Amino acid sequence: MDEQVKSRQRVADHGEVLTGKREVNAMLDLVRSETDRIDSRFFEPACGTGNFLTEILGRKLRVVEGRYGKSQLDYERYAVLSVSSIYGVDILADNVRDCRQRLFDVFDGVYTRLFRTEAKDKCRAAVRYILNQNIIRGDALSLKSVGDSPEPIVFSEWSLVNGSMLKRRDFTFHGLLEHASTEALPLFSDLGEDVFIPTPEREYPLTHFMEVADIDGQ
């Protein structure tokens, strides 16, 4: 999707101008060490149809394929982890829908090419479920969902534990940003120093990554 303006009305109403592919790649090249990390988390507060997020996922999946492409189980678990590290918010329902679908298509295109008839619908269902949790219709300024009854935006953190088990913890967007605006300990660090660990709104039991679509029923 190369067009940067869907309509003049959307520009006037929402200031929507999509970022072109050349600009996306130039900006991501500046943080290549992060886009090449399978578990490095990315968040876009006005994700549009996913021009940045789809390219980030594509880069991550190339790393996964290079490392784990000869083992279907390893590829599946780390591809799911790659998907789970990508987050986005957009105020427009069609953008959210299109972004989720484009991200799924990036995953499924590689997955199907690599494993063809051996590709599992369970894995595809897990990816769709995670994308529905991670790509959210909301207002990144109010920190709430969009609709008749706005609620605080909640993001899920996904972590691989003991190989194939996935741990999910939910955090409010407001809580994460409130901490970031203070001078307290950092949320994340690669340097080994102490970090702030926020209190999750909800924790879920460990679940096999293939069964993650059933997690709400546990």
C-alpha atoms as a PDB file:
ATOM      1  CA  MET A   1       0.000   0.000   0.000  1.00  0.00           C
ATOM      2  CA  ASP A   2       1.937   3.010  -1.313  1.00  0.00           C
ATOM      3  CA  GLU A   3      -0.791   5.657  -1.300  1.00  0.00           C
ATOM      4  CA  GLN A   4      -0.334   8.053   1.577  1.00  0.00           C
ATOM      5  CA  VAL A   5      -3.738   9.749   1.534  1.00  0.00           C
ATOM      6  CA  LYS A   6      -6.997   7.778   1.503  1.00  0.00           C
ATOM      7  CA  SER A   7      -9.178  10.859   1.167  1.00  0.00           C
ATOM      8  CA  ARG A   8      -9.000  14.593   1.753  1.00  0.00           C
ATOM      9  CA  GLN A   9     -11.823  14.255   4.256  1.00  0.00           C
ATOM     10  CA  ARG A  10      -9.811  11.849   6.401  1.00  0.00           C
ATOM     11  CA  VAL A  11      -6.868  14.232   6.334  1.00  0.00           C
ATOM     12  CA  ALA A  12      -9.144  17.081   7.441  1.00  0.00           C
ATOM     13  CA  ASP A  13     -10.955  15.062  10.110  1.00  0.00           C
ATOM     14  CA  HIS A  14      -8.080  13.011  11.513  1.00  0.00           C
ATOM     15  CA  GLY A  15      -4.842  14.381  10.071  1.00  0.00           C
ATOM     16  CA  GLU A  16      -4.305  10.984   8.444  1.00  0.00           C
ATOM     17  CA  VAL A  17      -1.298  10.807   6.128  1.00  0.00           C
ATOM     18  CA  LEU A  18       0.237   7.349   5.778  1.00  0.00           C
ATOM     19  CA  THR A  19       4.022   7.017   5.738  1.00  0.00           C
ATOM     20  CA  GLY A  20       5.532   5.829   2.444  1.00  0.00           C
ATOM     21  CA  LYS A  21       7.547   2.618   2.168  1.00  0.00           C
ATOM     22  CA  ARG A  22      10.829   4.401   1.409  1.00  0.00           C
ATOM     23  CA  GLU A  23      10.518   6.598   4.486  1.00  0.00           C
ATOM     24  CA  VAL A  24       9.499   3.630   6.648  1.00  0.00           C
ATOM     25  CA  ASN A  25      12.570   1.635   5.661  1.00  0.00           C
ATOM     26  CA  ALA A  26      14.910   4.589   6.065  1.00  0.00           C
ATOM     27  CA  MET A  27      13.660   5.196   9.599  1.00  0.00           C
ATOM     28  CA  LEU A  28      13.757   1.524  10.588  1.00  0.00           C
ATOM     29  CA  ASP A  29      17.292   1.188   9.253  1.00  0.00           C
ATOM     30  CA  LEU A  30      18.318   3.603  12.021  1.00  0.00           C
ATOM     31  CA  VAL A  31      17.219   1.036  14.623  1.00  0.00           C
ATOM     32  CA  ARG A  32      18.146  -2.118  12.740  1.00  0.00           C
ATOM     33  CA  SER A  33      19.621  -3.750  15.835  1.00  0.00           C
ATOM     34  CA  GLU A  34      16.151  -3.623  17.424  1.00  0.00           C
ATOM     35  CA  THR A  35      14.130  -4.691  14.377  1.00  0.00           C
ATOM     36  CA  ASP A  36      16.418  -7.716  14.117  1.00  0.00           C
ATOM     37  CA  ARG A  37      15.648  -8.771  17.700  1.00  0.00           C
ATOM     38  CA  ILE A  38      12.837 -11.310  17.722  1.00  0.00           C
ATOM     39  CA  ASP A  39      11.468 -10.230  21.106  1.00  0.00           C
ATOM     40  CA  SER A  40      12.094  -6.474  20.885  1.00  0.00           C
ATOM     41  CA  ARG A  41       8.758  -4.726  21.455  1.00  0.00           C
ATOM     42  CA  PHE A  42       7.474  -1.999  19.130  1.00  0.00           C
ATOM     43  CA  PHE A  43       4.473   0.255  19.713  1.00  0.00           C
ATOM     44  CA  GLU A  44       2.930   2.737  17.288  1.00  0.00           C
ATOM     45  CA  PRO A  45       0.323   5.104  18.809  1.00  0.00           C
ATOM     46  CA  ALA A  46      -1.257   6.007  15.448  1.00  0.00           C
ATOM     47  CA  CYS A  47      -0.556   2.872  13.445  1.00  0.00           C
ATOM     48  CA  GLY A  48      -2.843   3.525  10.479  1.00  0.00           C
ATOM     49  CA  THR A  49      -2.986   0.456   8.257  1.00  0.00           C
ATOM     50  CA  GLY A  50       0.361  -0.770   9.558  1.00  0.00           C
ATOM     51  CA  ASN A  51       3.025   0.541   7.182  1.00  0.00           C
ATOM     52  CA  PHE A  52       5.613   0.588   9.967  1.00  0.00           C
ATOM     53  CA  LEU A  53       4.404  -2.483  11.835  1.00  0.00           C
ATOM     54  CA  THR A  54       4.223  -4.759   8.785  1.00  0.00           C
ATOM     55  CA  GLU A  55       7.783  -3.883   7.822  1.00  0.00           C
ATOM     56  CA  ILE A  56       8.975  -4.494  11.387  1.00  0.00           C
ATOM     57  CA  LEU A  57       7.273  -7.896  11.420  1.00  0.00           C
ATOM     58  CA  GLY A  58       8.760  -8.760   8.032  1.00  0.00           C
ATOM     59  CA  ARG A  59      12.248  -7.987   9.317  1.00  0.00           C
ATOM     60  CA  LYS A  60      11.720 -10.036  12.455  1.00  0.00           C
ATOM     61  CA  LEU A  61      10.391 -13.007  10.488  1.00  0.00           C
ATOM     62  CA  ARG A  62      13.438 -12.977   8.207  1.00  0.00           C
ATOM     63  CA  VAL A  63      15.561 -13.411  11.324  1.00  0.00           C
ATOM     64  CA  VAL A  64      13.298 -16.203  12.575  1.00  0.00           C
ATOM     65  CA  GLU A  65      13.472 -17.967   9.217  1.00  0.00           C
ATOM     66  CA  GLY A  66      17.249 -17.692   9.101  1.00  0.00           C
ATOM     67  CA  ARG A  67      17.625 -19.194  12.566  1.00  0.00           C
ATOM     68  CA  TYR A  68      14.740 -21.637  12.808  1.00  0.00           C
ATOM     69  CA  GLY A  69      13.406 -22.199   9.289  1.00  0.00           C
ATOM     70  CA  LYS A  70      14.437 -25.859   9.221  1.00  0.00           C
ATOM     71  CA  SER A  71      12.422 -26.762  12.322  1.00  0.00           C
ATOM     72  CA  GLN A  72       8.682 -26.189  12.081  1.00  0.00           C
ATOM     73  CA  LEU A  73       8.065 -26.166  15.835  1.00  0.00           C
ATOM     74  CA  ASP A  74      10.913 -23.729  16.496  1.00  0.00           C
ATOM     75  CA  TYR A  75       9.805 -21.507  13.641  1.00  0.00           C
ATOM     76  CA  GLU A  76       6.211 -21.481  14.883  1.00  0.00           C
ATOM     77  CA  ARG A  77       7.066 -20.563  18.476  1.00  0.00           C
ATOM     78  CA  TYR A  78       9.440 -17.751  17.518  1.00  0.00           C
ATOM     79  CA  ALA A  79       7.201 -16.444  14.743  1.00  0.00           C
ATOM     80  CA  VAL A  80       4.370 -16.210  17.274  1.00  0.00           C
ATOM     81  CA  LEU A  81       6.738 -14.420  19.664  1.00  0.00           C
ATOM     82  CA  SER A  82       7.617 -11.953  16.896  1.00  0.00           C
ATOM     83  CA  VAL A  83       3.955 -11.198  16.274  1.00  0.00           C
ATOM     84  CA  SER A  84       3.327 -10.816  20.007  1.00  0.00           C
ATOM     85  CA  SER A  85       6.000  -8.092  20.272  1.00  0.00           C
ATOM     86  CA  ILE A  86       4.161  -5.674  17.959  1.00  0.00           C
ATOM     87  CA  TYR A  87       1.536  -3.220  19.250  1.00  0.00           C
ATOM     88  CA  GLY A  88      -0.548  -0.495  17.685  1.00  0.00           C
ATOM     89  CA  VAL A  89      -3.442   1.864  18.392  1.00  0.00           C
ATOM     90  CA  ASP A  90      -5.558   3.718  15.858  1.00  0.00           C
ATOM     91  CA  ILE A  91      -8.741   5.720  16.227  1.00  0.00           C
ATOM     92  CA  LEU A  92     -10.314   4.491  12.965  1.00  0.00           C
ATOM     93  CA  ALA A  93     -11.981   1.084  12.863  1.00  0.00           C
ATOM     94  CA  ASP A  94     -11.082   0.341   9.237  1.00  0.00           C
ATOM     95  CA  ASN A  95      -7.409   1.070   9.912  1.00  0.00           C
ATOM     96  CA  VAL A  96      -7.380  -1.334  12.846  1.00  0.00           C
ATOM     97  CA  ARG A  97      -9.043  -4.021  10.752  1.00  0.00           C
ATOM     98  CA  ASP A  98      -6.672  -3.507   7.833  1.00  0.00           C
ATOM     99  CA  CYS A  99      -3.593  -3.376  10.059  1.00  0.00           C
ATOM    100  CA  ARG A 100      -4.475  -6.677  11.729  1.00  0.00           C
ATOM    101  CA  GLN A 101      -5.112  -8.312   8.369  1.00  0.00           C
ATOM    102  CA  ARG A 102      -1.895  -7.015   6.808  1.00  0.00           C
ATOM    103  CA  LEU A 103       0.158  -8.237   9.764  1.00  0.00           C
ATOM    104  CA  PHE A 104      -1.526 -11.630   9.561  1.00  0.00           C
ATOM    105  CA  ASP A 105      -0.832 -11.796   5.826  1.00  0.00           C
ATOM    106  CA  VAL A 106       2.866 -11.054   6.420  1.00  0.00           C
ATOM    107  CA  PHE A 107       3.031 -13.933   8.902  1.00  0.00           C
ATOM    108  CA  ASP A 108       0.917 -16.343   6.881  1.00  0.00           C
ATOM    109  CA  GLY A 109       2.724 -15.676   3.613  1.00  0.00           C
ATOM    110  CA  VAL A 110       6.044 -16.805   5.072  1.00  0.00           C
ATOM    111  CA  TYR A 111       4.529 -19.620   7.148  1.00  0.00           C
ATOM    112  CA  THR A 112       2.701 -21.116   4.186  1.00  0.00           C
ATOM    113  CA  ARG A 113       5.740 -20.802   1.924  1.00  0.00           C
ATOM    114  CA  LEU A 114       7.950 -22.618   4.396  1.00  0.00           C
ATOM    115  CA  PHE A 115       5.645 -25.430   5.495  1.00  0.00           C
ATOM    116  CA  ARG A 116       2.874 -25.613   2.899  1.00  0.00           C
ATOM    117  CA  THR A 117       0.486 -28.478   3.745  1.00  0.00           C
ATOM    118  CA  GLU A 118       2.148 -28.968   7.133  1.00  0.00           C
ATOM    119  CA  ALA A 119       1.203 -25.434   8.271  1.00  0.00           C
ATOM    120  CA  LYS A 120      -1.254 -25.592  11.169  1.00  0.00           C
ATOM    121  CA  ASP A 121      -4.517 -23.703  11.502  1.00  0.00           C
ATOM    122  CA  LYS A 122      -3.943 -23.707  15.287  1.00  0.00           C
ATOM    123  CA  CYS A 123      -0.856 -21.563  14.764  1.00  0.00           C
ATOM    124  CA  ARG A 124      -2.738 -19.225  12.449  1.00  0.00           C
ATOM    125  CA  ALA A 125      -5.531 -18.919  15.028  1.00  0.00           C
ATOM    126  CA  ALA A 126      -2.985 -18.038  17.730  1.00  0.00           C
ATOM    127  CA  VAL A 127      -1.538 -15.280  15.565  1.00  0.00           C
ATOM    128  CA  ARG A 128      -4.974 -13.846  14.765  1.00  0.00           C
ATOM    129  CA  TYR A 129      -5.879 -13.862  18.450  1.00  0.00           C
ATOM    130  CA  ILE A 130      -2.700 -12.059  19.498  1.00  0.00           C
ATOM    131  CA  LEU A 131      -3.162  -9.445  16.781  1.00  0.00           C
ATOM    132  CA  ASN A 132      -6.712  -8.810  18.013  1.00  0.00           C
ATOM    133  CA  GLN A 133      -5.290  -8.098  21.481  1.00  0.00           C
ATOM    134  CA  ASN A 134      -2.266  -6.060  20.343  1.00  0.00           C
ATOM    135  CA  ILE A 135      -3.759  -3.873  17.587  1.00  0.00           C
ATOM    136  CA  ILE A 136      -6.447  -1.851  19.310  1.00  0.00           C
ATOM    137  CA  ARG A 137      -9.006   0.710  18.301  1.00  0.00           C
ATOM    138  CA  GLY A 138      -8.465   3.583  20.667  1.00  0.00           C
ATOM    139  CA  ASP A 139      -7.337   7.144  21.222  1.00  0.00           C
ATOM    140  CA  ALA A 140      -3.677   7.378  22.198  1.00  0.00           C
ATOM    141  CA  LEU A 141      -4.340  10.859  23.648  1.00  0.00           C
ATOM    142  CA  SER A 142      -7.199   9.917  25.976  1.00  0.00           C
ATOM    143  CA  LEU A 143      -5.679   6.453  26.556  1.00  0.00           C
ATOM    144  CA  LYS A 144      -9.157   4.962  26.131  1.00  0.00           C
ATOM    145  CA  SER A 145     -10.944   2.784  23.620  1.00  0.00           C
ATOM    146  CA  VAL A 146     -13.270   4.308  21.044  1.00  0.00           C
ATOM    147  CA  GLY A 147     -16.978   3.552  21.128  1.00  0.00           C
ATOM    148  CA  ASP A 148     -20.168   4.086  23.092  1.00  0.00           C
ATOM    149  CA  SER A 149     -18.533   3.153  26.404  1.00  0.00           C
ATOM    150  CA  PRO A 150     -14.817   4.054  26.290  1.00  0.00           C
ATOM    151  CA  GLU A 151     -12.614   2.050  28.628  1.00  0.00           C
ATOM    152  CA  PRO A 152      -8.923   2.295  29.491  1.00  0.00           C
ATOM    153  CA  ILE A 153      -6.716   0.752  26.818  1.00  0.00           C
ATOM    154  CA  VAL A 154      -5.170  -2.504  28.013  1.00  0.00           C
ATOM    155  CA  PHE A 155      -2.131  -4.118  26.450  1.00  0.00           C
ATOM    156  CA  SER A 156      -1.043  -7.715  26.882  1.00  0.00           C
ATOM    157  CA  GLU A 157       2.565  -8.650  27.498  1.00  0.00           C
ATOM    158  CA  TRP A 158       3.475 -12.054  26.020  1.00  0.00           C
ATOM    159  CA  SER A 159       6.575 -13.956  27.139  1.00  0.00           C
ATOM    160  CA  LEU A 160       7.862 -17.393  26.210  1.00  0.00           C
ATOM    161  CA  VAL A 161       8.534 -19.579  29.241  1.00  0.00           C
ATOM    162  CA  ASN A 162      10.077 -23.060  29.244  1.00  0.00           C
ATOM    163  CA  GLY A 163      10.216 -23.294  25.471  1.00  0.00           C
ATOM    164  CA  SER A 164       6.653 -23.490  24.199  1.00  0.00           C
ATOM    165  CA  MET A 165       4.656 -22.032  27.081  1.00  0.00           C
ATOM    166  CA  LEU A 166       3.350 -18.496  26.771  1.00  0.00           C
ATOM    167  CA  LYS A 167       2.755 -16.176  29.719  1.00  0.00           C
ATOM    168  CA  ARG A 168       0.276 -13.329  29.332  1.00  0.00           C
ATOM    169  CA  ARG A 169      -0.007 -10.316  31.644  1.00  0.00           C
ATOM    170  CA  ASP A 170      -2.310  -7.342  31.009  1.00  0.00           C
ATOM    171  CA  PHE A 171      -1.331  -3.734  31.774  1.00  0.00           C
ATOM    172  CA  THR A 172      -3.244  -0.493  31.330  1.00  0.00           C
ATOM    173  CA  PHE A 173      -1.757   1.968  28.863  1.00  0.00           C
ATOM    174  CA  HIS A 174      -2.317   4.711  31.434  1.00  0.00           C
ATOM    175  CA  GLY A 175      -0.346   2.846  34.077  1.00  0.00           C
ATOM    176  CA  LEU A 176       2.614   2.303  31.777  1.00  0.00           C
ATOM    177  CA  LEU A 177       2.705   5.930  30.656  1.00  0.00           C
ATOM    178  CA  GLU A 178       2.221   7.251  34.180  1.00  0.00           C
ATOM    179  CA  HIS A 179       5.363   5.450  35.243  1.00  0.00           C
ATOM    180  CA  ALA A 180       7.275   6.601  32.158  1.00  0.00           C
ATOM    181  CA  SER A 181       6.522  10.244  33.005  1.00  0.00           C
ATOM    182  CA  THR A 182       8.224   9.987  36.386  1.00  0.00           C
ATOM    183  CA  GLU A 183      11.894   9.741  37.271  1.00  0.00           C
ATOM    184  CA  ALA A 184      11.493   6.276  38.728  1.00  0.00           C
ATOM    185  CA  LEU A 185      13.338   3.165  37.601  1.00  0.00           C
ATOM    186  CA  PRO A 186      13.187   2.365  33.865  1.00  0.00           C
ATOM    187  CA  LEU A 187      10.639  -0.121  32.547  1.00  0.00           C
ATOM    188  CA  PHE A 188      13.208  -1.983  30.438  1.00  0.00           C
ATOM    189  CA  SER A 189      16.973  -2.265  30.402  1.00  0.00           C
ATOM    190  CA  ASP A 190      19.601  -4.231  28.515  1.00  0.00           C
ATOM    191  CA  LEU A 191      22.332  -3.044  30.880  1.00  0.00           C
ATOM    192  CA  GLY A 192      21.529  -5.168  33.906  1.00  0.00           C
ATOM    193  CA  GLU A 193      20.459  -2.392  36.279  1.00  0.00           C
ATOM    194  CA  ASP A 194      17.301  -2.470  38.392  1.00  0.00           C
ATOM    195  CA  VAL A 195      14.070  -1.826  36.512  1.00  0.00           C
ATOM    196  CA  PHE A 196      10.523  -0.947  37.491  1.00  0.00           C
ATOM    197  CA  ILE A 197       8.083  -3.859  37.305  1.00  0.00           C
ATOM    198  CA  PRO A 198       4.513  -2.519  37.046  1.00  0.00           C
ATOM    199  CA  THR A 199       1.620  -4.355  38.659  1.00  0.00           C
ATOM    200  CA  PRO A 200      -0.446  -6.146  36.004  1.00  0.00           C
ATOM    201  CA  GLU A 201      -4.202  -5.713  35.830  1.00  0.00           C
ATOM    202  CA  ARG A 202      -4.533  -9.421  35.214  1.00  0.00           C
ATOM    203  CA  GLU A 203      -2.274 -12.453  34.937  1.00  0.00           C
ATOM    204  CA  TYR A 204      -3.133 -15.598  33.024  1.00  0.00           C
ATOM    205  CA  PRO A 205      -1.944 -19.171  33.567  1.00  0.00           C
ATOM    206  CA  LEU A 206       0.867 -20.490  31.412  1.00  0.00           C
ATOM    207  CA  THR A 207      -0.533 -21.693  28.090  1.00  0.00           C
ATOM    208  CA  HIS A 208       1.032 -23.530  25.164  1.00  0.00           C
ATOM    209  CA  PHE A 209       1.501 -20.970  22.405  1.00  0.00           C
ATOM    210  CA  MET A 210      -0.659 -23.062  20.068  1.00  0.00           C
ATOM    211  CA  GLU A 211      -3.544 -22.842  22.558  1.00  0.00           C
ATOM    212  CA  VAL A 212      -3.365 -19.097  23.173  1.00  0.00           C
ATOM    213  CA  ALA A 213      -6.654 -18.428  21.377  1.00  0.00           C
ATOM    214  CA  ASP A 214      -8.359 -20.325  24.227  1.00  0.00           C
ATOM    215  CA  ILE A 215      -6.674 -18.305  26.973  1.00  0.00           C
ATOM    216  CA  ASP A 216      -9.730 -16.205  27.900  1.00  0.00           C
ATOM    217  CA  GLY A 217     -11.625 -19.300  28.881  1.00  0.00           C
ATOM    218  CA  GLN A 218      -9.062 -20.317  31.504  1.00  0.00           C
END
